[in-house]
Amino acid sequence: MNKLNTFLKLLKNDRFGIICALIKNVQKTCIGRLLSDSLFIKLVYFANFRKRLNLNNPQSFNEKLQWLKLNDRNSLYTILVDKCAVKDWVAEKIGANHIVPNLGVWKKFDEINFGELPKKFVLKCTHDSGGLVVVKDKNMLDIPSAKKKIEKCLKKNFYYEGREWPYKNVPSQIIAEEFLDDNGHVPIDYKVYCFNGEPYKVMLCLDRDKDEPTKFYSFDFKWNLLRHNLRGKSAPEGFTLPKPKSLDLMYESAKKLSQGMPFVRVDFYDLDGHMYFGEMTFYPDSGFDAAILPEIDQLYGTMIDLNGLNK
């Protein structure tokens, strides 16, 4: 009875909160799979932002990402989100020397012969986001734990989590890549935001492999620190980072790879001046990023031109 009274009191004080929590729970269940893309996206958007999604006249970055999910069905995107297939496409555009070499491709974890792999490597699932095992010393690898993580990802269709349709038909495979060694660490991830085929900024992700929160900083292509970070966390006064030697090449490559796309984020690595391609992302945070600053959400929204697609 006490729990019921607490629930009723909460419902009275925060009906939106209860509704949003219920929607988020449904989102993760098989019930959510029964919903159409449009209804699912509208419900989850409401649960995250507590307001209706405007698909008739989208204005913000997050709104336009939802519109693009439903309306920009370029079949090429399915290849570009496939972490294996994308490599051939990118190699044709910017050169095979900028691709991280594969060490093997498998359909099942038990097919992997770890004895044939080098001391350092990276395991990835080709069809999702997050199915990643970074191995810095094969002799220290907890194989049962890695198997549990990878096999869980293999069973998952990432499309159902946010209705990012390009993932729906990507084959579920495992790849092993060479480990890009930056003095024992995973190298800095340079994320290039491209609007309508034009690179706009570079966002850096630091400390991703350390036991501390990942740090994000944004620079323009003259390497000026941008104060408008996505979530309002400003860098300390006088803060800077070394300019990557391949920054100009990142700009040129991102421009080539993003042609004809309303929005895409192209990720690169720089190892002592040599640029490597990472991946392409069409819907950061699946377009449900409620933590983004409202002014940045609006700014990035103005930078995506939907007119051509509307026609």
C-alpha atoms as a PDB file:
ATOM      1  CA  MET A   1       0.000   0.000   0.000  1.00  0.00           C
ATOM      2  CA  ASN A   2       2.861   2.398   0.813  1.00  0.00           C
ATOM      3  CA  LYS A   3       4.439   1.742  -2.592  1.00  0.00           C
ATOM      4  CA  LEU A   4       1.105   2.362  -4.302  1.00  0.00           C
ATOM      5  CA  ASN A   5       0.655   5.647  -2.449  1.00  0.00           C
ATOM      6  CA  THR A   6       4.187   6.693  -3.376  1.00  0.00           C
ATOM      7  CA  PHE A   7       3.526   5.879  -7.016  1.00  0.00           C
ATOM      8  CA  LEU A   8       0.218   7.794  -7.040  1.00  0.00           C
ATOM      9  CA  LYS A   9       1.874  10.790  -5.417  1.00  0.00           C
ATOM     10  CA  LEU A  10       4.678  10.714  -7.985  1.00  0.00           C
ATOM     11  CA  LEU A  11       2.154  10.392 -10.802  1.00  0.00           C
ATOM     12  CA  LYS A  12       0.287  13.432  -9.522  1.00  0.00           C
ATOM     13  CA  ASN A  13       3.450  15.534  -9.183  1.00  0.00           C
ATOM     14  CA  ASP A  14       5.248  14.439 -12.351  1.00  0.00           C
ATOM     15  CA  ARG A  15       2.954  12.816 -14.884  1.00  0.00           C
ATOM     16  CA  PHE A  16       5.362  13.596 -17.695  1.00  0.00           C
ATOM     17  CA  GLY A  17       8.160  11.864 -15.812  1.00  0.00           C
ATOM     18  CA  ILE A  18       6.133   8.691 -15.351  1.00  0.00           C
ATOM     19  CA  ILE A  19       5.020   8.665 -18.980  1.00  0.00           C
ATOM     20  CA  CYS A  20       8.573   9.247 -20.207  1.00  0.00           C
ATOM     21  CA  ALA A  21       9.934   6.476 -17.994  1.00  0.00           C
ATOM     22  CA  LEU A  22       7.308   4.056 -19.314  1.00  0.00           C
ATOM     23  CA  ILE A  23       8.156   4.953 -22.908  1.00  0.00           C
ATOM     24  CA  LYS A  24      11.867   4.373 -22.283  1.00  0.00           C
ATOM     25  CA  ASN A  25      11.090   0.961 -20.797  1.00  0.00           C
ATOM     26  CA  VAL A  26       8.939   0.031 -23.793  1.00  0.00           C
ATOM     27  CA  GLN A  27      11.753   1.224 -26.079  1.00  0.00           C
ATOM     28  CA  LYS A  28      13.996  -1.573 -24.796  1.00  0.00           C
ATOM     29  CA  THR A  29      11.445  -4.392 -25.028  1.00  0.00           C
ATOM     30  CA  CYS A  30       9.979  -6.515 -27.809  1.00  0.00           C
ATOM     31  CA  ILE A  31       6.848  -4.361 -27.588  1.00  0.00           C
ATOM     32  CA  GLY A  32       8.842  -1.463 -28.994  1.00  0.00           C
ATOM     33  CA  ARG A  33       9.691  -3.552 -32.052  1.00  0.00           C
ATOM     34  CA  LEU A  34       6.022  -3.725 -32.955  1.00  0.00           C
ATOM     35  CA  LEU A  35       5.802   0.046 -33.380  1.00  0.00           C
ATOM     36  CA  SER A  36       6.301   1.722 -36.738  1.00  0.00           C
ATOM     37  CA  ASP A  37       9.476   3.755 -37.198  1.00  0.00           C
ATOM     38  CA  SER A  38       7.496   6.992 -37.143  1.00  0.00           C
ATOM     39  CA  LEU A  39       5.534   6.228 -33.959  1.00  0.00           C
ATOM     40  CA  PHE A  40       8.600   4.829 -32.186  1.00  0.00           C
ATOM     41  CA  ILE A  41      10.673   7.902 -33.018  1.00  0.00           C
ATOM     42  CA  LYS A  42       7.920  10.309 -31.924  1.00  0.00           C
ATOM     43  CA  LEU A  43       7.452   8.524 -28.592  1.00  0.00           C
ATOM     44  CA  VAL A  44      11.159   8.243 -27.766  1.00  0.00           C
ATOM     45  CA  TYR A  45      11.766  11.864 -28.779  1.00  0.00           C
ATOM     46  CA  PHE A  46       8.978  12.937 -26.406  1.00  0.00           C
ATOM     47  CA  ALA A  47      10.445  10.786 -23.626  1.00  0.00           C
ATOM     48  CA  ASN A  48      13.852  12.448 -23.989  1.00  0.00           C
ATOM     49  CA  PHE A  49      12.852  16.059 -24.640  1.00  0.00           C
ATOM     50  CA  ARG A  50       9.377  16.209 -23.057  1.00  0.00           C
ATOM     51  CA  LYS A  51       7.959  17.899 -26.119  1.00  0.00           C
ATOM     52  CA  ARG A  52       6.421  16.818 -29.395  1.00  0.00           C
ATOM     53  CA  LEU A  53       8.620  16.100 -32.382  1.00  0.00           C
ATOM     54  CA  ASN A  54       7.997  18.501 -35.258  1.00  0.00           C
ATOM     55  CA  LEU A  55       8.404  16.447 -38.424  1.00  0.00           C
ATOM     56  CA  ASN A  56       6.406  18.788 -40.651  1.00  0.00           C
ATOM     57  CA  ASN A  57       8.845  21.654 -40.124  1.00  0.00           C
ATOM     58  CA  PRO A  58      11.893  20.376 -38.208  1.00  0.00           C
ATOM     59  CA  GLN A  59      14.222  23.100 -36.949  1.00  0.00           C
ATOM     60  CA  SER A  60      16.705  21.734 -34.429  1.00  0.00           C
ATOM     61  CA  PHE A  61      19.607  19.344 -35.014  1.00  0.00           C
ATOM     62  CA  ASN A  62      17.899  16.520 -33.142  1.00  0.00           C
ATOM     63  CA  GLU A  63      14.613  17.090 -34.965  1.00  0.00           C
ATOM     64  CA  LYS A  64      16.275  17.034 -38.362  1.00  0.00           C
ATOM     65  CA  LEU A  65      18.164  13.839 -37.515  1.00  0.00           C
ATOM     66  CA  GLN A  66      14.801  12.193 -36.826  1.00  0.00           C
ATOM     67  CA  TRP A  67      13.419  13.541 -40.109  1.00  0.00           C
ATOM     68  CA  LEU A  68      16.440  12.152 -41.940  1.00  0.00           C
ATOM     69  CA  LYS A  69      15.927   8.708 -40.383  1.00  0.00           C
ATOM     70  CA  LEU A  70      12.449   8.603 -41.858  1.00  0.00           C
ATOM     71  CA  ASN A  71      13.024  10.315 -45.196  1.00  0.00           C
ATOM     72  CA  ASP A  72      16.651  10.022 -46.352  1.00  0.00           C
ATOM     73  CA  ARG A  73      16.720   6.341 -47.281  1.00  0.00           C
ATOM     74  CA  ASN A  74      19.897   6.294 -49.369  1.00  0.00           C
ATOM     75  CA  SER A  75      20.795   2.592 -49.711  1.00  0.00           C
ATOM     76  CA  LEU A  76      24.506   3.517 -49.649  1.00  0.00           C
ATOM     77  CA  TYR A  77      24.208   4.288 -45.925  1.00  0.00           C
ATOM     78  CA  THR A  78      23.814   0.584 -45.115  1.00  0.00           C
ATOM     79  CA  ILE A  79      27.296  -0.010 -46.540  1.00  0.00           C
ATOM     80  CA  LEU A  80      28.736   3.025 -44.776  1.00  0.00           C
ATOM     81  CA  VAL A  81      27.636   1.957 -41.278  1.00  0.00           C
ATOM     82  CA  ASP A  82      28.956  -1.584 -41.838  1.00  0.00           C
ATOM     83  CA  LYS A  83      32.375  -1.485 -40.162  1.00  0.00           C
ATOM     84  CA  CYS A  84      33.727  -4.030 -42.628  1.00  0.00           C
ATOM     85  CA  ALA A  85      32.073  -3.084 -45.917  1.00  0.00           C
ATOM     86  CA  VAL A  86      32.736   0.645 -45.489  1.00  0.00           C
ATOM     87  CA  LYS A  87      36.483   0.087 -45.760  1.00  0.00           C
ATOM     88  CA  ASP A  88      36.408  -0.810 -49.451  1.00  0.00           C
ATOM     89  CA  TRP A  89      34.209   2.208 -50.246  1.00  0.00           C
ATOM     90  CA  VAL A  90      36.433   4.611 -48.309  1.00  0.00           C
ATOM     91  CA  ALA A  91      39.608   3.096 -49.809  1.00  0.00           C
ATOM     92  CA  GLU A  92      38.308   3.933 -53.291  1.00  0.00           C
ATOM     93  CA  LYS A  93      37.634   7.519 -52.242  1.00  0.00           C
ATOM     94  CA  ILE A  94      40.767   8.439 -50.256  1.00  0.00           C
ATOM     95  CA  GLY A  95      43.215   5.539 -50.648  1.00  0.00           C
ATOM     96  CA  ALA A  96      43.727   2.129 -49.042  1.00  0.00           C
ATOM     97  CA  ASN A  97      46.709   3.412 -47.025  1.00  0.00           C
ATOM     98  CA  HIS A  98      44.237   5.268 -44.804  1.00  0.00           C
ATOM     99  CA  ILE A  99      42.324   2.118 -43.846  1.00  0.00           C
ATOM    100  CA  VAL A 100      43.045   0.191 -40.636  1.00  0.00           C
ATOM    101  CA  PRO A 101      43.917  -3.328 -41.872  1.00  0.00           C
ATOM    102  CA  ASN A 102      41.664  -6.256 -40.968  1.00  0.00           C
ATOM    103  CA  LEU A 103      43.273  -9.272 -39.324  1.00  0.00           C
ATOM    104  CA  GLY A 104      40.252 -11.510 -39.747  1.00  0.00           C
ATOM    105  CA  VAL A 105      36.489 -11.656 -40.238  1.00  0.00           C
ATOM    106  CA  TRP A 106      34.224 -14.237 -38.562  1.00  0.00           C
ATOM    107  CA  LYS A 107      30.539 -14.952 -38.089  1.00  0.00           C
ATOM    108  CA  LYS A 108      30.964 -16.653 -34.691  1.00  0.00           C
ATOM    109  CA  PHE A 109      33.273 -15.919 -31.766  1.00  0.00           C
ATOM    110  CA  ASP A 110      34.358 -19.554 -31.510  1.00  0.00           C
ATOM    111  CA  GLU A 111      35.755 -19.362 -35.051  1.00  0.00           C
ATOM    112  CA  ILE A 112      38.481 -16.949 -33.888  1.00  0.00           C
ATOM    113  CA  ASN A 113      41.932 -18.506 -33.626  1.00  0.00           C
ATOM    114  CA  PHE A 114      43.599 -16.224 -31.090  1.00  0.00           C
ATOM    115  CA  GLY A 115      46.925 -17.970 -31.641  1.00  0.00           C
ATOM    116  CA  GLU A 116      47.065 -16.429 -35.128  1.00  0.00           C
ATOM    117  CA  LEU A 117      46.424 -12.894 -33.889  1.00  0.00           C
ATOM    118  CA  PRO A 118      49.196 -10.487 -32.811  1.00  0.00           C
ATOM    119  CA  LYS A 119      49.773  -9.374 -29.238  1.00  0.00           C
ATOM    120  CA  LYS A 120      47.672  -6.229 -29.731  1.00  0.00           C
ATOM    121  CA  PHE A 121      44.460  -5.954 -31.740  1.00  0.00           C
ATOM    122  CA  VAL A 122      40.867  -4.730 -31.609  1.00  0.00           C
ATOM    123  CA  LEU A 123      37.725  -6.859 -31.919  1.00  0.00           C
ATOM    124  CA  LYS A 124      34.608  -5.197 -33.333  1.00  0.00           C
ATOM    125  CA  CYS A 125      31.103  -6.166 -34.329  1.00  0.00           C
ATOM    126  CA  THR A 126      30.364  -4.870 -37.812  1.00  0.00           C
ATOM    127  CA  HIS A 127      26.667  -4.155 -37.336  1.00  0.00           C
ATOM    128  CA  ASP A 128      26.287  -2.103 -34.163  1.00  0.00           C
ATOM    129  CA  SER A 129      27.723   0.599 -31.944  1.00  0.00           C
ATOM    130  CA  GLY A 130      29.599  -0.408 -28.805  1.00  0.00           C
ATOM    131  CA  GLY A 131      30.541  -3.973 -29.698  1.00  0.00           C
ATOM    132  CA  LEU A 132      34.240  -3.353 -29.104  1.00  0.00           C
ATOM    133  CA  VAL A 133      37.043  -5.173 -27.262  1.00  0.00           C
ATOM    134  CA  VAL A 134      40.445  -3.451 -27.181  1.00  0.00           C
ATOM    135  CA  VAL A 135      43.256  -5.946 -26.590  1.00  0.00           C
ATOM    136  CA  LYS A 136      46.592  -4.419 -25.556  1.00  0.00           C
ATOM    137  CA  ASP A 137      48.094  -7.727 -24.431  1.00  0.00           C
ATOM    138  CA  LYS A 138      46.645 -10.964 -25.786  1.00  0.00           C
ATOM    139  CA  ASN A 139      48.115 -12.906 -22.872  1.00  0.00           C
ATOM    140  CA  MET A 140      46.006 -10.856 -20.466  1.00  0.00           C
ATOM    141  CA  LEU A 141      42.766 -11.152 -22.465  1.00  0.00           C
ATOM    142  CA  ASP A 142      39.784 -12.504 -20.537  1.00  0.00           C
ATOM    143  CA  ILE A 143      38.417 -14.587 -23.398  1.00  0.00           C
ATOM    144  CA  PRO A 144      35.178 -15.675 -21.638  1.00  0.00           C
ATOM    145  CA  SER A 145      34.367 -12.041 -20.835  1.00  0.00           C
ATOM    146  CA  ALA A 146      35.154 -10.920 -24.398  1.00  0.00           C
ATOM    147  CA  LYS A 147      33.030 -13.765 -25.762  1.00  0.00           C
ATOM    148  CA  LYS A 148      30.093 -12.779 -23.571  1.00  0.00           C
ATOM    149  CA  LYS A 149      30.251  -9.158 -24.744  1.00  0.00           C
ATOM    150  CA  ILE A 150      30.691  -9.954 -28.440  1.00  0.00           C
ATOM    151  CA  GLU A 151      28.031 -12.664 -28.541  1.00  0.00           C
ATOM    152  CA  LYS A 152      25.552 -10.358 -26.821  1.00  0.00           C
ATOM    153  CA  CYS A 153      26.198  -7.791 -29.555  1.00  0.00           C
ATOM    154  CA  LEU A 154      25.893 -10.400 -32.317  1.00  0.00           C
ATOM    155  CA  LYS A 155      22.360 -11.219 -31.166  1.00  0.00           C
ATOM    156  CA  LYS A 156      21.322  -7.556 -31.213  1.00  0.00           C
ATOM    157  CA  ASN A 157      19.907  -5.633 -34.156  1.00  0.00           C
ATOM    158  CA  PHE A 158      21.072  -2.090 -33.437  1.00  0.00           C
ATOM    159  CA  TYR A 159      18.321  -0.708 -35.681  1.00  0.00           C
ATOM    160  CA  TYR A 160      15.675  -1.383 -33.046  1.00  0.00           C
ATOM    161  CA  GLU A 161      17.377   0.761 -30.392  1.00  0.00           C
ATOM    162  CA  GLY A 162      16.839   4.097 -32.151  1.00  0.00           C
ATOM    163  CA  ARG A 163      15.385   3.152 -35.542  1.00  0.00           C
ATOM    164  CA  GLU A 164      18.588   4.080 -37.347  1.00  0.00           C
ATOM    165  CA  TRP A 165      17.421   2.260 -40.458  1.00  0.00           C
ATOM    166  CA  PRO A 166      20.862   1.814 -42.166  1.00  0.00           C
ATOM    167  CA  TYR A 167      21.759  -0.785 -39.504  1.00  0.00           C
ATOM    168  CA  LYS A 168      18.696  -2.962 -40.125  1.00  0.00           C
ATOM    169  CA  ASN A 169      20.217  -5.178 -42.811  1.00  0.00           C
ATOM    170  CA  VAL A 170      23.924  -5.049 -41.942  1.00  0.00           C
ATOM    171  CA  PRO A 171      25.330  -8.613 -41.613  1.00  0.00           C
ATOM    172  CA  SER A 172      26.357  -9.440 -38.045  1.00  0.00           C
ATOM    173  CA  GLN A 173      30.048 -10.299 -38.147  1.00  0.00           C
ATOM    174  CA  ILE A 174      33.176  -9.912 -36.038  1.00  0.00           C
ATOM    175  CA  ILE A 175      36.344  -8.283 -37.333  1.00  0.00           C
ATOM    176  CA  ALA A 176      39.787  -8.031 -35.795  1.00  0.00           C
ATOM    177  CA  GLU A 177      41.740  -4.893 -36.688  1.00  0.00           C
ATOM    178  CA  GLU A 178      45.315  -3.872 -36.129  1.00  0.00           C
ATOM    179  CA  PHE A 179      45.733  -1.926 -32.890  1.00  0.00           C
ATOM    180  CA  LEU A 180      46.666   1.681 -33.610  1.00  0.00           C
ATOM    181  CA  ASP A 181      49.239   2.199 -30.889  1.00  0.00           C
ATOM    182  CA  ASP A 182      49.714   5.751 -29.635  1.00  0.00           C
ATOM    183  CA  ASN A 183      52.375   5.134 -26.965  1.00  0.00           C
ATOM    184  CA  GLY A 184      50.336   2.339 -25.437  1.00  0.00           C
ATOM    185  CA  HIS A 185      47.003   4.139 -25.700  1.00  0.00           C
ATOM    186  CA  VAL A 186      44.119   4.228 -28.137  1.00  0.00           C
ATOM    187  CA  PRO A 187      44.827   7.275 -30.341  1.00  0.00           C
ATOM    188  CA  ILE A 188      42.800  10.480 -30.174  1.00  0.00           C
ATOM    189  CA  ASP A 189      39.535  10.238 -32.064  1.00  0.00           C
ATOM    190  CA  TYR A 190      39.006  13.213 -34.411  1.00  0.00           C
ATOM    191  CA  LYS A 191      35.307  13.505 -35.234  1.00  0.00           C
ATOM    192  CA  VAL A 192      34.623  15.770 -38.218  1.00  0.00           C
ATOM    193  CA  TYR A 193      31.081  17.192 -38.391  1.00  0.00           C
ATOM    194  CA  CYS A 194      30.001  17.635 -42.013  1.00  0.00           C
ATOM    195  CA  PHE A 195      26.905  19.559 -43.074  1.00  0.00           C
ATOM    196  CA  ASN A 196      25.743  19.235 -46.694  1.00  0.00           C
ATOM    197  CA  GLY A 197      29.139  17.971 -47.806  1.00  0.00           C
ATOM    198  CA  GLU A 198      31.148  20.686 -46.034  1.00  0.00           C
ATOM    199  CA  PRO A 199      33.325  19.894 -42.976  1.00  0.00           C
ATOM    200  CA  TYR A 200      32.521  22.335 -40.175  1.00  0.00           C
ATOM    201  CA  LYS A 201      34.456  21.380 -37.056  1.00  0.00           C
ATOM    202  CA  VAL A 202      36.594  18.712 -35.396  1.00  0.00           C
ATOM    203  CA  MET A 203      35.536  17.257 -32.055  1.00  0.00           C
ATOM    204  CA  LEU A 204      38.206  15.447 -30.054  1.00  0.00           C
ATOM    205  CA  CYS A 205      37.499  12.600 -27.646  1.00  0.00           C
ATOM    206  CA  LEU A 206      40.184  12.165 -24.990  1.00  0.00           C
ATOM    207  CA  ASP A 207      40.802   9.563 -22.266  1.00  0.00           C
ATOM    208  CA  ARG A 208      38.379   7.041 -23.772  1.00  0.00           C
ATOM    209  CA  ASP A 209      40.465   4.109 -22.544  1.00  0.00           C
ATOM    210  CA  LYS A 210      41.113   5.487 -19.053  1.00  0.00           C
ATOM    211  CA  ASP A 211      39.143   5.134 -15.815  1.00  0.00           C
ATOM    212  CA  GLU A 212      37.794   8.669 -15.996  1.00  0.00           C
ATOM    213  CA  PRO A 213      35.105  10.516 -17.946  1.00  0.00           C
ATOM    214  CA  THR A 214      35.792  11.045 -21.638  1.00  0.00           C
ATOM    215  CA  LYS A 215      36.597  14.677 -22.426  1.00  0.00           C
ATOM    216  CA  PHE A 216      35.313  16.452 -25.547  1.00  0.00           C
ATOM    217  CA  TYR A 217      36.814  19.553 -27.176  1.00  0.00           C
ATOM    218  CA  SER A 218      35.969  21.203 -30.505  1.00  0.00           C
ATOM    219  CA  PHE A 219      38.241  23.064 -32.940  1.00  0.00           C
ATOM    220  CA  ASP A 220      37.758  24.712 -36.307  1.00  0.00           C
ATOM    221  CA  PHE A 221      40.057  23.857 -39.225  1.00  0.00           C
ATOM    222  CA  LYS A 222      42.433  26.692 -38.378  1.00  0.00           C
ATOM    223  CA  TRP A 223      42.794  24.956 -35.010  1.00  0.00           C
ATOM    224  CA  ASN A 224      41.022  27.591 -32.960  1.00  0.00           C
ATOM    225  CA  LEU A 225      39.308  26.208 -29.880  1.00  0.00           C
ATOM    226  CA  LEU A 226      35.532  26.555 -30.168  1.00  0.00           C
ATOM    227  CA  ARG A 227      33.707  27.610 -27.050  1.00  0.00           C
ATOM    228  CA  HIS A 228      30.382  26.153 -28.170  1.00  0.00           C
ATOM    229  CA  ASN A 229      30.910  22.562 -27.112  1.00  0.00           C
ATOM    230  CA  LEU A 230      27.857  20.352 -27.449  1.00  0.00           C
ATOM    231  CA  ARG A 231      27.137  20.145 -23.751  1.00  0.00           C
ATOM    232  CA  GLY A 232      28.495  23.447 -22.511  1.00  0.00           C
ATOM    233  CA  LYS A 233      31.603  22.106 -20.769  1.00  0.00           C
ATOM    234  CA  SER A 234      34.157  24.785 -21.538  1.00  0.00           C
ATOM    235  CA  ALA A 235      37.869  24.073 -21.629  1.00  0.00           C
ATOM    236  CA  PRO A 236      40.109  25.713 -19.020  1.00  0.00           C
ATOM    237  CA  GLU A 237      41.425  29.184 -19.833  1.00  0.00           C
ATOM    238  CA  GLY A 238      44.375  28.993 -22.207  1.00  0.00           C
ATOM    239  CA  PHE A 239      43.697  25.329 -22.994  1.00  0.00           C
ATOM    240  CA  THR A 240      44.886  23.920 -26.291  1.00  0.00           C
ATOM    241  CA  LEU A 241      45.958  20.615 -27.809  1.00  0.00           C
ATOM    242  CA  PRO A 242      48.602  19.800 -30.399  1.00  0.00           C
ATOM    243  CA  LYS A 243      47.305  20.278 -33.923  1.00  0.00           C
ATOM    244  CA  PRO A 244      47.230  16.923 -35.756  1.00  0.00           C
ATOM    245  CA  LYS A 245      49.707  16.856 -38.615  1.00  0.00           C
ATOM    246  CA  SER A 246      47.082  15.435 -40.950  1.00  0.00           C
ATOM    247  CA  LEU A 247      44.388  18.045 -40.167  1.00  0.00           C
ATOM    248  CA  ASP A 248      44.291  19.401 -43.726  1.00  0.00           C
ATOM    249  CA  LEU A 249      44.013  15.871 -45.100  1.00  0.00           C
ATOM    250  CA  MET A 250      41.175  15.169 -42.659  1.00  0.00           C
ATOM    251  CA  TYR A 251      39.317  18.170 -44.067  1.00  0.00           C
ATOM    252  CA  GLU A 252      39.866  17.109 -47.677  1.00  0.00           C
ATOM    253  CA  SER A 253      38.951  13.475 -46.944  1.00  0.00           C
ATOM    254  CA  ALA A 254      35.822  14.348 -44.962  1.00  0.00           C
ATOM    255  CA  LYS A 255      34.704  16.608 -47.792  1.00  0.00           C
ATOM    256  CA  LYS A 256      35.083  13.775 -50.322  1.00  0.00           C
ATOM    257  CA  LEU A 257      33.335  11.223 -48.127  1.00  0.00           C
ATOM    258  CA  SER A 258      30.386  13.431 -47.158  1.00  0.00           C
ATOM    259  CA  GLN A 259      29.350  14.635 -50.612  1.00  0.00           C
ATOM    260  CA  GLY A 260      25.612  14.400 -51.196  1.00  0.00           C
ATOM    261  CA  MET A 261      24.831  13.802 -47.515  1.00  0.00           C
ATOM    262  CA  PRO A 262      22.794  16.322 -45.462  1.00  0.00           C
ATOM    263  CA  PHE A 263      24.759  15.405 -42.349  1.00  0.00           C
ATOM    264  CA  VAL A 264      27.406  12.875 -41.427  1.00  0.00           C
ATOM    265  CA  ARG A 265      30.187  12.706 -38.877  1.00  0.00           C
ATOM    266  CA  VAL A 266      33.416  11.210 -40.214  1.00  0.00           C
ATOM    267  CA  ASP A 267      35.950   9.953 -37.667  1.00  0.00           C
ATOM    268  CA  PHE A 268      39.712   9.805 -38.169  1.00  0.00           C
ATOM    269  CA  TYR A 269      42.883   8.999 -36.244  1.00  0.00           C
ATOM    270  CA  ASP A 270      46.306  10.618 -36.610  1.00  0.00           C
ATOM    271  CA  LEU A 271      49.451   8.625 -35.856  1.00  0.00           C
ATOM    272  CA  ASP A 272      52.473  10.873 -36.255  1.00  0.00           C
ATOM    273  CA  GLY A 273      51.017  12.537 -39.318  1.00  0.00           C
ATOM    274  CA  HIS A 274      49.474   9.450 -40.927  1.00  0.00           C
ATOM    275  CA  MET A 275      45.693   9.649 -41.122  1.00  0.00           C
ATOM    276  CA  TYR A 276      43.475   6.613 -40.626  1.00  0.00           C
ATOM    277  CA  PHE A 277      39.745   6.430 -41.271  1.00  0.00           C
ATOM    278  CA  GLY A 278      37.604   5.390 -38.291  1.00  0.00           C
ATOM    279  CA  GLU A 279      33.891   5.287 -39.094  1.00  0.00           C
ATOM    280  CA  MET A 280      30.905   7.278 -40.339  1.00  0.00           C
ATOM    281  CA  THR A 281      27.973   8.256 -38.113  1.00  0.00           C
ATOM    282  CA  PHE A 282      24.716   9.620 -39.473  1.00  0.00           C
ATOM    283  CA  TYR A 283      22.763  10.087 -36.246  1.00  0.00           C
ATOM    284  CA  PRO A 284      24.956  10.967 -33.209  1.00  0.00           C
ATOM    285  CA  ASP A 285      23.264   9.718 -30.032  1.00  0.00           C
ATOM    286  CA  SER A 286      20.502   8.575 -32.399  1.00  0.00           C
ATOM    287  CA  GLY A 287      19.220  12.164 -32.453  1.00  0.00           C
ATOM    288  CA  PHE A 288      17.963  11.817 -28.878  1.00  0.00           C
ATOM    289  CA  ASP A 289      20.664  13.909 -27.192  1.00  0.00           C
ATOM    290  CA  ALA A 290      18.744  15.942 -24.610  1.00  0.00           C
ATOM    291  CA  ALA A 291      22.015  17.098 -23.013  1.00  0.00           C
ATOM    292  CA  ILE A 292      23.018  19.198 -26.016  1.00  0.00           C
ATOM    293  CA  LEU A 293      22.857  22.940 -25.396  1.00  0.00           C
ATOM    294  CA  PRO A 294      19.618  24.377 -26.842  1.00  0.00           C
ATOM    295  CA  GLU A 295      21.502  27.053 -28.791  1.00  0.00           C
ATOM    296  CA  ILE A 296      23.799  24.414 -30.327  1.00  0.00           C
ATOM    297  CA  ASP A 297      20.814  22.212 -31.138  1.00  0.00           C
ATOM    298  CA  GLN A 298      19.325  25.159 -33.036  1.00  0.00           C
ATOM    299  CA  LEU A 299      22.623  26.216 -34.658  1.00  0.00           C
ATOM    300  CA  TYR A 300      23.368  22.775 -36.065  1.00  0.00           C
ATOM    301  CA  GLY A 301      19.743  22.520 -37.154  1.00  0.00           C
ATOM    302  CA  THR A 302      20.129  25.608 -39.350  1.00  0.00           C
ATOM    303  CA  MET A 303      23.182  24.007 -40.981  1.00  0.00           C
ATOM    304  CA  ILE A 304      21.314  20.965 -42.336  1.00  0.00           C
ATOM    305  CA  ASP A 305      19.542  21.763 -45.599  1.00  0.00           C
ATOM    306  CA  LEU A 306      16.584  19.483 -46.233  1.00  0.00           C
ATOM    307  CA  ASN A 307      15.278  21.317 -49.307  1.00  0.00           C
ATOM    308  CA  GLY A 308      16.755  18.942 -51.843  1.00  0.00           C
ATOM    309  CA  LEU A 309      15.352  15.931 -50.025  1.00  0.00           C
ATOM    310  CA  ASN A 310      11.952  17.584 -49.628  1.00  0.00           C
ATOM    311  CA  LYS A 311      11.754  17.870 -53.394  1.00  0.00           C
END
